[in-house]
Every structure is written in C-alpha cells, then in structure tokens.
C-alpha cells in the first residue's frame, strides 16, 4: 500500500509536464490558425548553427565523464569481481559520455565547408 503514493506522485509529475507541453503545442497551433485567418504567415526562424550541437556535446560529454569517474570507485567496493572494476553502475556515466561524444561527432561530420 505504501508503494502506491510514490507511483502516483511520479505519474502526477509526468502528467503535469506532458500536459503543459500539450497545452503549449495547442497554443502554438491556435496562433498559427489566427495568423492564417488574417492572411499572415509565421516569421521564418533563423537556421540554428551547428554550434549548438557542439556546445551540448561538450556539456553532456563532461557530465558523462564526471559521472563515470565518480561511479568508477564503486567497483572497488563491490564484492564481485568485474573486469577493470567496471560494473553495471557505470552505465549512469557511460550513456551521457557516449551521447555527448556522438553529438560532437555529428557536429564535425555535418560541418559545412565554408
């Protein structure tokens, strides 16, 4: 019975977040319809440079590296023998590390020659 309260709390938080996102999408839709009725169009958004990919890639890579270094010490405390003290807890650091490296790689592979 005590497990139902945290479950409802998580579901409630997710419902609020997704409800807000749905509301924002609906308001964006209504704004587009109102502009179309007046014969106007949405202003074109500036094309974002790929520098955003590089910035986010560096931030997420640094976060993943910090988590990996912090979680690595747990391997010495575990009673089981894992190779190089790398156990399943390292996924918490490796996932953002390699996600960030992928973003940096995407930035350099899709960079336009100017």
PDB file of N, CA and C in Angstrom:
ATOM      1  N   UNK A   1       0.826  -1.199   0.000  1.00  0.00           N
ATOM      2  CA  UNK A   1       0.000   0.000   0.000  1.00  0.00           C
ATOM      3  C   UNK A   1       0.865   1.256   0.000  1.00  0.00           C
ATOM      4  N   UNK A   2       2.034   1.170   0.630  1.00  0.00           N
ATOM      5  CA  UNK A   2       2.904   2.344   0.694  1.00  0.00           C
ATOM      6  C   UNK A   2       3.559   2.648  -0.646  1.00  0.00           C
ATOM      7  N   UNK A   3       3.586   1.667  -1.543  1.00  0.00           N
ATOM      8  CA  UNK A   3       4.222   1.887  -2.839  1.00  0.00           C
ATOM      9  C   UNK A   3       3.345   2.674  -3.798  1.00  0.00           C
ATOM     10  N   UNK A   4       2.077   2.797  -3.511  1.00  0.00           N
ATOM     11  CA  UNK A   4       1.160   3.474  -4.426  1.00  0.00           C
ATOM     12  C   UNK A   4       1.376   4.987  -4.424  1.00  0.00           C
ATOM     13  N   UNK A   5       1.773   5.544  -3.310  1.00  0.00           N
ATOM     14  CA  UNK A   5       1.943   7.002  -3.211  1.00  0.00           C
ATOM     15  C   UNK A   5       3.098   7.498  -4.087  1.00  0.00           C
ATOM     16  N   UNK A   6       4.294   6.874  -4.037  1.00  0.00           N
ATOM     17  CA  UNK A   6       5.346   7.335  -4.958  1.00  0.00           C
ATOM     18  C   UNK A   6       4.979   7.125  -6.423  1.00  0.00           C
ATOM     19  N   UNK A   7       4.290   6.037  -6.721  1.00  0.00           N
ATOM     20  CA  UNK A   7       3.883   5.786  -8.109  1.00  0.00           C
ATOM     21  C   UNK A   7       2.927   6.873  -8.595  1.00  0.00           C
ATOM     22  N   UNK A   8       1.948   7.209  -7.756  1.00  0.00           N
ATOM     23  CA  UNK A   8       1.012   8.269  -8.130  1.00  0.00           C
ATOM     24  C   UNK A   8       1.717   9.621  -8.233  1.00  0.00           C
ATOM     25  N   UNK A   9       2.715   9.833  -7.386  1.00  0.00           N
ATOM     26  CA  UNK A   9       3.474  11.083  -7.457  1.00  0.00           C
ATOM     27  C   UNK A   9       4.233  11.207  -8.769  1.00  0.00           C
ATOM     28  N   UNK A  10       4.899  10.120  -9.185  1.00  0.00           N
ATOM     29  CA  UNK A  10       5.638  10.132 -10.449  1.00  0.00           C
ATOM     30  C   UNK A  10       4.680  10.317 -11.621  1.00  0.00           C
ATOM     31  N   UNK A  11       3.576   9.599 -11.586  1.00  0.00           N
ATOM     32  CA  UNK A  11       2.583   9.729 -12.662  1.00  0.00           C
ATOM     33  C   UNK A  11       2.016  11.147 -12.692  1.00  0.00           C
ATOM     34  N   UNK A  12       1.777  11.727 -11.520  1.00  0.00           N
ATOM     35  CA  UNK A  12       1.267  13.092 -11.462  1.00  0.00           C
ATOM     36  C   UNK A  12       2.241  14.109 -12.036  1.00  0.00           C
ATOM     37  N   UNK A  13       3.508  13.970 -11.698  1.00  0.00           N
ATOM     38  CA  UNK A  13       4.527  14.895 -12.218  1.00  0.00           C
ATOM     39  C   UNK A  13       4.633  14.760 -13.733  1.00  0.00           C
ATOM     40  N   UNK A  14       4.650  13.523 -14.226  1.00  0.00           N
ATOM     41  CA  UNK A  14       4.723  13.321 -15.675  1.00  0.00           C
ATOM     42  C   UNK A  14       3.478  13.864 -16.372  1.00  0.00           C
ATOM     43  N   UNK A  15       2.310  13.702 -15.752  1.00  0.00           N
ATOM     44  CA  UNK A  15       1.079  14.229 -16.341  1.00  0.00           C
ATOM     45  C   UNK A  15       1.117  15.756 -16.413  1.00  0.00           C
ATOM     46  N   UNK A  16       1.646  16.394 -15.398  1.00  0.00           N
ATOM     47  CA  UNK A  16       1.756  17.855 -15.411  1.00  0.00           C
ATOM     48  C   UNK A  16       2.711  18.315 -16.507  1.00  0.00           C
ATOM     49  N   UNK A  17       3.857  17.654 -16.611  1.00  0.00           N
ATOM     50  CA  UNK A  17       4.846  18.047 -17.626  1.00  0.00           C
ATOM     51  C   UNK A  17       4.283  17.868 -19.029  1.00  0.00           C
ATOM     52  N   UNK A  18       3.741  16.661 -19.311  1.00  0.00           N
ATOM     53  CA  UNK A  18       3.222  16.414 -20.654  1.00  0.00           C
ATOM     54  C   UNK A  18       1.960  17.228 -20.933  1.00  0.00           C
ATOM     55  N   UNK A  19       1.177  17.499 -19.905  1.00  0.00           N
ATOM     56  CA  UNK A  19       0.020  18.364 -20.081  1.00  0.00           C
ATOM     57  C   UNK A  19       0.436  19.775 -20.466  1.00  0.00           C
ATOM     58  N   UNK A  20       1.481  20.283 -19.824  1.00  0.00           N
ATOM     59  CA  UNK A  20       1.984  21.615 -20.161  1.00  0.00           C
ATOM     60  C   UNK A  20       2.519  21.646 -21.590  1.00  0.00           C
ATOM     61  N   UNK A  21       3.254  20.604 -21.983  1.00  0.00           N
ATOM     62  CA  UNK A  21       3.771  20.556 -23.355  1.00  0.00           C
ATOM     63  C   UNK A  21       2.636  20.492 -24.375  1.00  0.00           C
ATOM     64  N   UNK A  22       1.597  19.713 -24.072  1.00  0.00           N
ATOM     65  CA  UNK A  22       0.449  19.636 -24.977  1.00  0.00           C
ATOM     66  C   UNK A  22      -0.261  20.983 -25.052  1.00  0.00           C
ATOM     67  N   UNK A  23      -0.389  21.668 -23.920  1.00  0.00           N
ATOM     68  CA  UNK A  23      -1.023  22.982 -23.914  1.00  0.00           C
ATOM     69  C   UNK A  23      -0.216  23.981 -24.743  1.00  0.00           C
ATOM     70  N   UNK A  24       1.105  23.957 -24.612  1.00  0.00           N
ATOM     71  CA  UNK A  24       1.943  24.881 -25.395  1.00  0.00           C
ATOM     72  C   UNK A  24       1.825  24.586 -26.887  1.00  0.00           C
ATOM     73  N   UNK A  25       1.766  23.317 -27.239  1.00  0.00           N
ATOM     74  CA  UNK A  25       1.603  22.953 -28.650  1.00  0.00           C
ATOM     75  C   UNK A  25       0.243  23.422 -29.174  1.00  0.00           C
ATOM     76  N   UNK A  26      -0.794  23.267 -28.358  1.00  0.00           N
ATOM     77  CA  UNK A  26      -2.130  23.718 -28.742  1.00  0.00           C
ATOM     78  C   UNK A  26      -2.156  25.239 -28.928  1.00  0.00           C
ATOM     79  N   UNK A  27      -1.519  25.978 -28.030  1.00  0.00           N
ATOM     80  CA  UNK A  27      -1.479  27.445 -28.160  1.00  0.00           C
ATOM     81  C   UNK A  27      -0.708  27.866 -29.409  1.00  0.00           C
ATOM     82  N   UNK A  28       0.345  27.151 -29.729  1.00  0.00           N
ATOM     83  CA  UNK A  28       1.114  27.432 -30.943  1.00  0.00           C
ATOM     84  C   UNK A  28       0.243  27.188 -32.176  1.00  0.00           C
ATOM     85  N   UNK A  29      -0.538  26.107 -32.138  1.00  0.00           N
ATOM     86  CA  UNK A  29      -1.456  25.791 -33.231  1.00  0.00           C
ATOM     87  C   UNK A  29      -2.502  26.893 -33.386  1.00  0.00           C
ATOM     88  N   UNK A  30      -3.096  27.329 -32.272  1.00  0.00           N
ATOM     89  CA  UNK A  30      -4.121  28.381 -32.338  1.00  0.00           C
ATOM     90  C   UNK A  30      -3.535  29.688 -32.874  1.00  0.00           C
ATOM     91  N   UNK A  31      -2.326  29.982 -32.510  1.00  0.00           N
ATOM     92  CA  UNK A  31      -1.675  31.194 -33.006  1.00  0.00           C
ATOM     93  C   UNK A  31      -1.457  31.106 -34.516  1.00  0.00           C
ATOM     94  N   UNK A  32      -1.041  29.944 -34.987  1.00  0.00           N
ATOM     95  CA  UNK A  32      -0.830  29.759 -36.425  1.00  0.00           C
ATOM     96  C   UNK A  32      -2.147  29.895 -37.186  1.00  0.00           C
ATOM     97  N   UNK A  33      -3.218  29.332 -36.644  1.00  0.00           N
ATOM     98  CA  UNK A  33      -4.539  29.438 -37.288  1.00  0.00           C
ATOM     99  C   UNK A  33      -5.002  30.892 -37.319  1.00  0.00           C
ATOM    100  N   UNK A  34      -4.803  31.626 -36.222  1.00  0.00           N
ATOM    101  CA  UNK A  34      -5.213  33.037 -36.176  1.00  0.00           C
ATOM    102  C   UNK A  34      -4.424  33.863 -37.192  1.00  0.00           C
ATOM    103  N   UNK A  35      -3.142  33.583 -37.343  1.00  0.00           N
ATOM    104  CA  UNK A  35      -2.353  34.296 -38.349  1.00  0.00           C
ATOM    105  C   UNK A  35      -2.815  33.952 -39.758  1.00  0.00           C
ATOM    106  N   UNK A  36      -3.139  32.686 -39.990  1.00  0.00           N
ATOM    107  CA  UNK A  36      -3.572  32.268 -41.324  1.00  0.00           C
ATOM    108  C   UNK A  36      -4.908  32.908 -41.686  1.00  0.00           C
ATOM    109  N   UNK A  37      -5.805  33.083 -40.718  1.00  0.00           N
ATOM    110  CA  UNK A  37      -7.091  33.718 -40.995  1.00  0.00           C
ATOM    111  C   UNK A  37      -6.925  35.170 -41.399  1.00  0.00           C
ATOM    112  N   UNK A  38      -5.865  35.817 -40.921  1.00  0.00           N
ATOM    113  CA  UNK A  38      -5.606  37.205 -41.279  1.00  0.00           C
ATOM    114  C   UNK A  38      -4.728  37.314 -42.518  1.00  0.00           C
ATOM    115  N   UNK A  39      -4.343  36.175 -43.092  1.00  0.00           N
ATOM    116  CA  UNK A  39      -3.526  36.186 -44.300  1.00  0.00           C
ATOM    117  C   UNK A  39      -2.050  36.390 -44.029  1.00  0.00           C
ATOM    118  N   UNK A  40      -1.655  36.180 -42.825  1.00  0.00           N
ATOM    119  CA  UNK A  40      -0.246  36.339 -42.465  1.00  0.00           C
ATOM    120  C   UNK A  40       0.410  34.976 -42.320  1.00  0.00           C
ATOM    121  N   UNK A  41       1.703  34.998 -42.349  1.00  0.00           N
ATOM    122  CA  UNK A  41       2.445  33.754 -42.115  1.00  0.00           C
ATOM    123  C   UNK A  41       3.368  33.954 -40.925  1.00  0.00           C
ATOM    124  N   UNK A  42       3.789  32.850 -40.403  1.00  0.00           N
ATOM    125  CA  UNK A  42       4.749  32.918 -39.289  1.00  0.00           C
ATOM    126  C   UNK A  42       6.084  33.445 -39.791  1.00  0.00           C
ATOM    127  N   UNK A  43       6.740  34.265 -38.986  1.00  0.00           N
ATOM    128  CA  UNK A  43       8.082  34.694 -39.387  1.00  0.00           C
ATOM    129  C   UNK A  43       9.022  33.488 -39.417  1.00  0.00           C
ATOM    130  N   UNK A  44       9.879  33.474 -40.402  1.00  0.00           N
ATOM    131  CA  UNK A  44      10.820  32.357 -40.536  1.00  0.00           C
ATOM    132  C   UNK A  44      11.819  32.390 -39.392  1.00  0.00           C
ATOM    133  N   UNK A  45      12.066  31.222 -38.862  1.00  0.00           N
ATOM    134  CA  UNK A  45      13.060  31.123 -37.796  1.00  0.00           C
ATOM    135  C   UNK A  45      14.446  31.105 -38.414  1.00  0.00           C
ATOM    136  N   UNK A  46      15.375  31.696 -37.713  1.00  0.00           N
ATOM    137  CA  UNK A  46      16.747  31.665 -38.185  1.00  0.00           C
ATOM    138  C   UNK A  46      17.251  30.234 -38.103  1.00  0.00           C
ATOM    139  N   UNK A  47      17.997  29.840 -39.108  1.00  0.00           N
ATOM    140  CA  UNK A  47      18.551  28.496 -39.070  1.00  0.00           C
ATOM    141  C   UNK A  47      19.630  28.458 -37.997  1.00  0.00           C
ATOM    142  N   UNK A  48      19.463  27.564 -37.080  1.00  0.00           N
ATOM    143  CA  UNK A  48      20.429  27.480 -35.993  1.00  0.00           C
ATOM    144  C   UNK A  48      21.723  26.883 -36.521  1.00  0.00           C
ATOM    145  N   UNK A  49      22.789  27.436 -36.078  1.00  0.00           N
ATOM    146  CA  UNK A  49      24.077  26.908 -36.492  1.00  0.00           C
ATOM    147  C   UNK A  49      24.334  25.593 -35.776  1.00  0.00           C
ATOM    148  N   UNK A  50      25.256  24.855 -36.299  1.00  0.00           N
ATOM    149  CA  UNK A  50      25.563  23.568 -35.689  1.00  0.00           C
ATOM    150  C   UNK A  50      26.436  23.746 -34.448  1.00  0.00           C
ATOM    151  N   UNK A  51      26.678  24.987 -34.058  1.00  0.00           N
ATOM    152  CA  UNK A  51      27.443  25.222 -32.832  1.00  0.00           C
ATOM    153  C   UNK A  51      26.678  24.716 -31.618  1.00  0.00           C
ATOM    154  N   UNK A  52      25.344  24.689 -31.711  1.00  0.00           N
ATOM    155  CA  UNK A  52      24.541  24.173 -30.614  1.00  0.00           C
ATOM    156  C   UNK A  52      24.844  22.713 -30.347  1.00  0.00           C
ATOM    157  N   UNK A  53      25.025  21.938 -31.419  1.00  0.00           N
ATOM    158  CA  UNK A  53      25.390  20.532 -31.251  1.00  0.00           C
ATOM    159  C   UNK A  53      26.724  20.395 -30.539  1.00  0.00           C
ATOM    160  N   UNK A  54      27.664  21.224 -30.922  1.00  0.00           N
ATOM    161  CA  UNK A  54      28.983  21.149 -30.309  1.00  0.00           C
ATOM    162  C   UNK A  54      28.920  21.540 -28.837  1.00  0.00           C
ATOM    163  N   UNK A  55      28.189  22.610 -28.539  1.00  0.00           N
ATOM    164  CA  UNK A  55      28.090  23.044 -27.147  1.00  0.00           C
ATOM    165  C   UNK A  55      27.437  21.980 -26.274  1.00  0.00           C
ATOM    166  N   UNK A  56      26.277  21.459 -26.725  1.00  0.00           N
ATOM    167  CA  UNK A  56      25.599  20.432 -25.947  1.00  0.00           C
ATOM    168  C   UNK A  56      26.439  19.163 -25.872  1.00  0.00           C
ATOM    169  N   UNK A  57      27.140  18.852 -26.950  1.00  0.00           N
ATOM    170  CA  UNK A  57      28.005  17.677 -26.934  1.00  0.00           C
ATOM    171  C   UNK A  57      29.098  17.784 -25.903  1.00  0.00           C
ATOM    172  N   UNK A  58      29.694  18.960 -25.804  1.00  0.00           N
ATOM    173  CA  UNK A  58      30.765  19.155 -24.818  1.00  0.00           C
ATOM    174  C   UNK A  58      30.207  19.096 -23.405  1.00  0.00           C
ATOM    175  N   UNK A  59      29.060  19.722 -23.185  1.00  0.00           N
ATOM    176  CA  UNK A  59      28.463  19.726 -21.840  1.00  0.00           C
ATOM    177  C   UNK A  59      28.078  18.308 -21.409  1.00  0.00           C
ATOM    178  N   UNK A  60      27.422  17.566 -22.296  1.00  0.00           N
ATOM    179  CA  UNK A  60      26.978  16.217 -21.943  1.00  0.00           C
ATOM    180  C   UNK A  60      28.171  15.276 -21.807  1.00  0.00           C
ATOM    181  N   UNK A  61      29.207  15.458 -22.635  1.00  0.00           N
ATOM    182  CA  UNK A  61      30.412  14.641 -22.501  1.00  0.00           C
ATOM    183  C   UNK A  61      31.086  14.898 -21.168  1.00  0.00           C
ATOM    184  N   UNK A  62      31.187  16.162 -20.778  1.00  0.00           N
ATOM    185  CA  UNK A  62      31.812  16.486 -19.490  1.00  0.00           C
ATOM    186  C   UNK A  62      31.008  15.907 -18.332  1.00  0.00           C
ATOM    187  N   UNK A  63      29.692  15.979 -18.416  1.00  0.00           N
ATOM    188  CA  UNK A  63      28.844  15.397 -17.382  1.00  0.00           C
ATOM    189  C   UNK A  63      29.026  13.881 -17.315  1.00  0.00           C
ATOM    190  N   UNK A  64      29.050  13.232 -18.462  1.00  0.00           N
ATOM    191  CA  UNK A  64      29.242  11.787 -18.505  1.00  0.00           C
ATOM    192  C   UNK A  64      30.609  11.375 -17.984  1.00  0.00           C
ATOM    193  N   UNK A  65      31.619  12.156 -18.300  1.00  0.00           N
ATOM    194  CA  UNK A  65      32.964  11.854 -17.801  1.00  0.00           C
ATOM    195  C   UNK A  65      33.028  12.006 -16.288  1.00  0.00           C
ATOM    196  N   UNK A  66      32.418  13.059 -15.771  1.00  0.00           N
ATOM    197  CA  UNK A  66      32.407  13.265 -14.319  1.00  0.00           C
ATOM    198  C   UNK A  66      31.649  12.137 -13.620  1.00  0.00           C
ATOM    199  N   UNK A  67      30.512  11.736 -14.165  1.00  0.00           N
ATOM    200  CA  UNK A  67      29.755  10.634 -13.572  1.00  0.00           C
ATOM    201  C   UNK A  67      30.535   9.325 -13.658  1.00  0.00           C
ATOM    202  N   UNK A  68      31.206   9.100 -14.777  1.00  0.00           N
ATOM    203  CA  UNK A  68      31.991   7.874 -14.922  1.00  0.00           C
ATOM    204  C   UNK A  68      33.119   7.817 -13.904  1.00  0.00           C
ATOM    205  N   UNK A  69      33.802   8.926 -13.716  1.00  0.00           N
ATOM    206  CA  UNK A  69      34.883   8.949 -12.731  1.00  0.00           C
ATOM    207  C   UNK A  69      34.353   8.773 -11.316  1.00  0.00           C
ATOM    208  N   UNK A  70      33.210   9.378 -11.039  1.00  0.00           N
ATOM    209  CA  UNK A  70      32.632   9.241  -9.709  1.00  0.00           C
ATOM    210  C   UNK A  70      32.110   7.842  -9.436  1.00  0.00           C
ATOM    211  N   UNK A  71      31.525   7.215 -10.450  1.00  0.00           N
ATOM    212  CA  UNK A  71      30.952   5.886 -10.275  1.00  0.00           C
ATOM    213  C   UNK A  71      32.005   4.783 -10.328  1.00  0.00           C
ATOM    214  N   UNK A  72      33.170   5.082 -10.881  1.00  0.00           N
ATOM    215  CA  UNK A  72      34.215   4.065 -11.008  1.00  0.00           C
ATOM    216  C   UNK A  72      34.655   3.536  -9.645  1.00  0.00           C
ATOM    217  N   UNK A  73      34.626   4.390  -8.646  1.00  0.00           N
ATOM    218  CA  UNK A  73      35.078   3.971  -7.315  1.00  0.00           C
ATOM    219  C   UNK A  73      34.155   2.928  -6.700  1.00  0.00           C
ATOM    220  N   UNK A  74      32.924   2.812  -7.184  1.00  0.00           N
ATOM    221  CA  UNK A  74      32.018   1.796  -6.660  1.00  0.00           C
ATOM    222  C   UNK A  74      32.503   0.396  -7.006  1.00  0.00           C
ATOM    223  N   UNK A  75      33.294   0.268  -8.046  1.00  0.00           N
ATOM    224  CA  UNK A  75      33.814  -1.034  -8.445  1.00  0.00           C
ATOM    225  C   UNK A  75      34.764  -1.634  -7.439  1.00  0.00           C
ATOM    226  N   UNK A  76      35.417  -0.803  -6.667  1.00  0.00           N
ATOM    227  CA  UNK A  76      36.350  -1.306  -5.667  1.00  0.00           C
ATOM    228  C   UNK A  76      35.624  -1.819  -4.436  1.00  0.00           C
ATOM    229  N   UNK A  77      34.413  -1.311  -4.193  1.00  0.00           N
ATOM    230  CA  UNK A  77      33.649  -1.731  -3.023  1.00  0.00           C
ATOM    231  C   UNK A  77      32.802  -2.962  -3.286  1.00  0.00           C
ATOM    232  N   UNK A  78      32.590  -3.294  -4.559  1.00  0.00           N
ATOM    233  CA  UNK A  78      31.714  -4.431  -4.853  1.00  0.00           C
ATOM    234  C   UNK A  78      32.409  -5.733  -4.486  1.00  0.00           C
ATOM    235  N   UNK A  79      31.636  -6.669  -3.969  1.00  0.00           N
ATOM    236  CA  UNK A  79      32.194  -7.952  -3.574  1.00  0.00           C
ATOM    237  C   UNK A  79      32.504  -8.836  -4.762  1.00  0.00           C
ATOM    238  N   UNK A  80      31.852  -8.596  -5.883  1.00  0.00           N
ATOM    239  CA  UNK A  80      32.065  -9.417  -7.063  1.00  0.00           C
ATOM    240  C   UNK A  80      33.238  -8.876  -7.864  1.00  0.00           C
ATOM    241  N   UNK A  81      33.823  -9.747  -8.639  1.00  0.00           N
ATOM    242  CA  UNK A  81      34.961  -9.332  -9.455  1.00  0.00           C
ATOM    243  C   UNK A  81      34.484  -8.993 -10.860  1.00  0.00           C
ATOM    244  N   UNK A  82      34.508  -7.723 -11.175  1.00  0.00           N
ATOM    245  CA  UNK A  82      34.187  -7.263 -12.514  1.00  0.00           C
ATOM    246  C   UNK A  82      35.490  -6.905 -13.201  1.00  0.00           C
ATOM    247  N   UNK A  83      35.587  -7.134 -14.505  1.00  0.00           N
ATOM    248  CA  UNK A  83      36.822  -6.764 -15.194  1.00  0.00           C
ATOM    249  C   UNK A  83      37.037  -5.251 -15.148  1.00  0.00           C
ATOM    250  N   UNK A  84      38.207  -4.868 -14.746  1.00  0.00           N
ATOM    251  CA  UNK A  84      38.607  -3.459 -14.624  1.00  0.00           C
ATOM    252  C   UNK A  84      37.702  -2.680 -13.674  1.00  0.00           C
ATOM    253  N   UNK A  85      37.009  -3.361 -12.791  1.00  0.00           N
ATOM    254  CA  UNK A  85      36.079  -2.759 -11.825  1.00  0.00           C
ATOM    255  C   UNK A  85      34.948  -2.001 -12.505  1.00  0.00           C
ATOM    256  N   UNK A  86      34.600  -2.413 -13.729  1.00  0.00           N
ATOM    257  CA  UNK A  86      33.517  -1.782 -14.481  1.00  0.00           C
ATOM    258  C   UNK A  86      32.277  -2.662 -14.390  1.00  0.00           C
ATOM    259  N   UNK A  87      31.302  -2.219 -13.639  1.00  0.00           N
ATOM    260  CA  UNK A  87      30.068  -2.978 -13.477  1.00  0.00           C
ATOM    261  C   UNK A  87      28.892  -2.259 -14.104  1.00  0.00           C
ATOM    262  N   UNK A  88      27.689  -2.758 -13.870  1.00  0.00           N
ATOM    263  CA  UNK A  88      26.502  -2.153 -14.476  1.00  0.00           C
ATOM    264  C   UNK A  88      26.233  -0.730 -13.996  1.00  0.00           C
ATOM    265  N   UNK A  89      26.751  -0.346 -12.847  1.00  0.00           N
ATOM    266  CA  UNK A  89      26.549   1.015 -12.346  1.00  0.00           C
ATOM    267  C   UNK A  89      27.239   2.043 -13.234  1.00  0.00           C
ATOM    268  N   UNK A  90      28.195   1.608 -14.042  1.00  0.00           N
ATOM    269  CA  UNK A  90      28.919   2.542 -14.901  1.00  0.00           C
ATOM    270  C   UNK A  90      28.061   3.057 -16.056  1.00  0.00           C
ATOM    271  N   UNK A  91      26.922   2.415 -16.316  1.00  0.00           N
ATOM    272  CA  UNK A  91      26.034   2.898 -17.380  1.00  0.00           C
ATOM    273  C   UNK A  91      25.556   4.315 -17.099  1.00  0.00           C
ATOM    274  N   UNK A  92      25.421   4.665 -15.821  1.00  0.00           N
ATOM    275  CA  UNK A  92      25.000   6.018 -15.460  1.00  0.00           C
ATOM    276  C   UNK A  92      25.965   7.086 -15.944  1.00  0.00           C
ATOM    277  N   UNK A  93      27.209   6.736 -16.136  1.00  0.00           N
ATOM    278  CA  UNK A  93      28.189   7.680 -16.649  1.00  0.00           C
ATOM    279  C   UNK A  93      28.498   7.471 -18.120  1.00  0.00           C
ATOM    280  N   UNK A  94      28.481   6.192 -18.549  1.00  0.00           N
ATOM    281  CA  UNK A  94      28.840   5.913 -19.940  1.00  0.00           C
ATOM    282  C   UNK A  94      27.776   6.367 -20.932  1.00  0.00           C
ATOM    283  N   UNK A  95      26.518   6.291 -20.561  1.00  0.00           N
ATOM    284  CA  UNK A  95      25.453   6.695 -21.500  1.00  0.00           C
ATOM    285  C   UNK A  95      25.573   8.183 -21.851  1.00  0.00           C
ATOM    286  N   UNK A  96      25.645   9.112 -20.869  1.00  0.00           N
ATOM    287  CA  UNK A  96      25.809  10.513 -21.278  1.00  0.00           C
ATOM    288  C   UNK A  96      27.169  10.792 -21.914  1.00  0.00           C
ATOM    289  N   UNK A  97      28.203  10.047 -21.505  1.00  0.00           N
ATOM    290  CA  UNK A  97      29.525  10.253 -22.099  1.00  0.00           C
ATOM    291  C   UNK A  97      29.489   9.980 -23.590  1.00  0.00           C
ATOM    292  N   UNK A  98      28.952   8.832 -23.972  1.00  0.00           N
ATOM    293  CA  UNK A  98      28.940   8.491 -25.390  1.00  0.00           C
ATOM    294  C   UNK A  98      27.866   9.251 -26.167  1.00  0.00           C
ATOM    295  N   UNK A  99      26.809   9.666 -25.517  1.00  0.00           N
ATOM    296  CA  UNK A  99      25.823  10.533 -26.163  1.00  0.00           C
ATOM    297  C   UNK A  99      26.473  11.868 -26.522  1.00  0.00           C
ATOM    298  N   UNK A 100      27.212  12.433 -25.582  1.00  0.00           N
ATOM    299  CA  UNK A 100      27.903  13.691 -25.843  1.00  0.00           C
ATOM    300  C   UNK A 100      28.961  13.553 -26.918  1.00  0.00           C
ATOM    301  N   UNK A 101      29.703  12.443 -26.889  1.00  0.00           N
ATOM    302  CA  UNK A 101      30.704  12.216 -27.943  1.00  0.00           C
ATOM    303  C   UNK A 101      30.030  12.070 -29.307  1.00  0.00           C
ATOM    304  N   UNK A 102      28.843  11.453 -29.328  1.00  0.00           N
ATOM    305  CA  UNK A 102      28.098  11.346 -30.579  1.00  0.00           C
ATOM    306  C   UNK A 102      27.671  12.704 -31.107  1.00  0.00           C
ATOM    307  N   UNK A 103      27.249  13.605 -30.220  1.00  0.00           N
ATOM    308  CA  UNK A 103      26.874  14.960 -30.653  1.00  0.00           C
ATOM    309  C   UNK A 103      28.067  15.724 -31.202  1.00  0.00           C
ATOM    310  N   UNK A 104      29.213  15.577 -30.554  1.00  0.00           N
ATOM    311  CA  UNK A 104      30.422  16.240 -31.059  1.00  0.00           C
ATOM    312  C   UNK A 104      30.795  15.667 -32.423  1.00  0.00           C
ATOM    313  N   UNK A 105      30.687  14.356 -32.567  1.00  0.00           N
ATOM    314  CA  UNK A 105      30.998  13.709 -33.842  1.00  0.00           C
ATOM    315  C   UNK A 105      30.039  14.170 -34.936  1.00  0.00           C
ATOM    316  N   UNK A 106      28.759  14.274 -34.623  1.00  0.00           N
ATOM    317  CA  UNK A 106      27.771  14.758 -35.593  1.00  0.00           C
ATOM    318  C   UNK A 106      28.123  16.177 -36.033  1.00  0.00           C
ATOM    319  N   UNK A 107      28.551  17.010 -35.075  1.00  0.00           N
ATOM    320  CA  UNK A 107      28.921  18.389 -35.416  1.00  0.00           C
ATOM    321  C   UNK A 107      30.045  18.410 -36.460  1.00  0.00           C
ATOM    322  N   UNK A 108      31.066  17.603 -36.231  1.00  0.00           N
ATOM    323  CA  UNK A 108      32.209  17.634 -37.152  1.00  0.00           C
ATOM    324  C   UNK A 108      31.931  16.910 -38.464  1.00  0.00           C
ATOM    325  N   UNK A 109      31.069  15.895 -38.459  1.00  0.00           N
ATOM    326  CA  UNK A 109      30.776  15.189 -39.706  1.00  0.00           C
ATOM    327  C   UNK A 109      29.817  15.963 -40.593  1.00  0.00           C
ATOM    328  N   UNK A 110      28.954  16.783 -40.016  1.00  0.00           N
ATOM    329  CA  UNK A 110      27.984  17.529 -40.825  1.00  0.00           C
ATOM    330  C   UNK A 110      28.386  18.989 -41.011  1.00  0.00           C
ATOM    331  N   UNK A 111      29.581  19.333 -40.613  1.00  0.00           N
ATOM    332  CA  UNK A 111      30.054  20.705 -40.747  1.00  0.00           C
ATOM    333  C   UNK A 111      30.188  21.054 -42.221  1.00  0.00           C
ATOM    334  N   UNK A 112      29.625  22.190 -42.594  1.00  0.00           N
ATOM    335  CA  UNK A 112      29.682  22.631 -43.986  1.00  0.00           C
ATOM    336  C   UNK A 112      31.055  23.260 -44.252  1.00  0.00           C
ATOM    337  N   UNK A 113      31.574  22.965 -45.417  1.00  0.00           N
ATOM    338  CA  UNK A 113      32.854  23.565 -45.812  1.00  0.00           C
ATOM    339  C   UNK A 113      32.591  24.985 -46.283  1.00  0.00           C
ATOM    340  N   UNK A 114      33.119  25.955 -45.550  1.00  0.00           N
ATOM    341  CA  UNK A 114      32.871  27.354 -45.916  1.00  0.00           C
ATOM    342  C   UNK A 114      34.142  28.020 -46.345  1.00  0.00           C
TER     343      UNK A 114
END
